């Protein structure tokens, strides 16, 4: 099995791709490993949080391919 292509490797994490959101969100944050605890991701960015929601499961039936998350909103960090 080619573990580089499996979306669920490395101790229960999954490959995730983030779509949308601010254009200055670094590329290295747009493709990441994520412990699939729910349908949302929240990333700190520019003094706030960027929120993403699961949009697509892996595109193939065997679990290959990334989970795709789409940007939903931005919130500020409470002080």
Protein backbone atom coordinates (compact mmCIF):
# COMPACT_ATOMS: atom_id res chain seq x y z
CA UNK A 1 0.00 0.00 0.00
CA UNK A 2 1.30 3.45 -0.88
CA UNK A 3 0.95 5.28 2.46
CA UNK A 4 1.71 8.66 0.87
CA UNK A 5 -1.60 8.44 -0.99
CA UNK A 6 -3.74 7.16 1.89
CA UNK A 7 -5.78 9.96 3.48
CA UNK A 8 -5.84 8.25 6.89
CA UNK A 9 -2.26 7.54 7.91
CA UNK A 10 0.14 8.82 10.56
CA UNK A 11 -1.57 7.85 13.83
CA UNK A 12 -5.18 8.42 12.87
CA UNK A 13 -4.70 11.73 11.10
CA UNK A 14 -6.08 12.53 7.67
CA UNK A 15 -4.82 14.69 4.83
CA UNK A 16 -6.88 17.85 4.59
CA UNK A 17 -7.03 20.55 1.94
CA UNK A 18 -8.42 24.00 2.78
CA UNK A 19 -10.25 25.95 0.09
CA UNK A 20 -11.26 29.61 0.17
CA UNK A 21 -10.55 32.10 2.90
CA UNK A 22 -7.95 34.85 2.92
CA UNK A 23 -5.53 34.94 0.00
CA UNK A 24 -2.61 35.48 2.38
CA UNK A 25 -3.22 32.21 4.26
CA UNK A 26 0.14 30.43 3.83
CA UNK A 27 0.25 27.55 1.37
CA UNK A 28 1.70 25.23 4.01
CA UNK A 29 -1.50 25.69 6.06
CA UNK A 30 -3.77 24.85 3.10
CA UNK A 31 -2.58 21.22 2.90
CA UNK A 32 -2.15 19.67 6.33
CA UNK A 33 -2.58 16.59 8.48
CA UNK A 34 -5.56 16.79 10.76
CA UNK A 35 -7.02 14.52 13.44
CA UNK A 36 -10.59 14.15 12.21
CA UNK A 37 -12.44 15.02 15.41
CA UNK A 38 -15.33 16.76 13.70
CA UNK A 39 -16.54 18.56 10.62
CA UNK A 40 -14.81 21.89 11.37
CA UNK A 41 -11.29 23.30 11.59
CA UNK A 42 -10.27 26.58 13.24
CA UNK A 43 -6.86 28.06 12.40
CA UNK A 44 -5.26 31.10 14.05
CA UNK A 45 -4.38 33.75 11.45
CA UNK A 46 -3.75 37.54 11.64
CA UNK A 47 -5.11 38.04 15.16
CA UNK A 48 -8.21 35.94 14.57
CA UNK A 49 -9.39 32.52 13.52
CA UNK A 50 -10.27 31.24 10.07
CA UNK A 51 -13.08 28.67 10.19
CA UNK A 52 -13.41 25.82 7.69
CA UNK A 53 -16.11 23.17 7.39
CA UNK A 54 -15.85 19.72 5.82
CA UNK A 55 -17.13 19.96 2.26
CA UNK A 56 -16.00 16.63 0.75
CA UNK A 57 -14.95 13.22 1.95
CA UNK A 58 -12.17 11.49 0.01
CA UNK A 59 -13.15 11.29 -3.65
CA UNK A 60 -12.59 7.56 -4.00
CA UNK A 61 -14.26 4.70 -2.20
CA UNK A 62 -11.02 3.31 -0.81
CA UNK A 63 -10.25 6.37 1.37
CA UNK A 64 -7.56 7.82 -0.88
CA UNK A 65 -7.49 11.53 -1.46
CA UNK A 66 -7.78 14.39 0.99
CA UNK A 67 -10.68 15.64 3.06
CA UNK A 68 -11.69 19.01 1.57
CA UNK A 69 -12.65 21.83 3.92
CA UNK A 70 -14.23 25.08 2.69
CA UNK A 71 -13.82 28.44 4.42
CA UNK A 72 -16.97 29.59 6.24
CA UNK A 73 -16.03 32.65 8.34
CA UNK A 74 -13.47 34.60 10.31
CA UNK A 75 -13.70 35.47 14.01
CA UNK A 76 -11.49 37.69 16.17
CA UNK A 77 -9.55 36.37 19.16
CA UNK A 78 -11.22 37.46 22.39
CA UNK A 79 -9.00 39.53 24.63
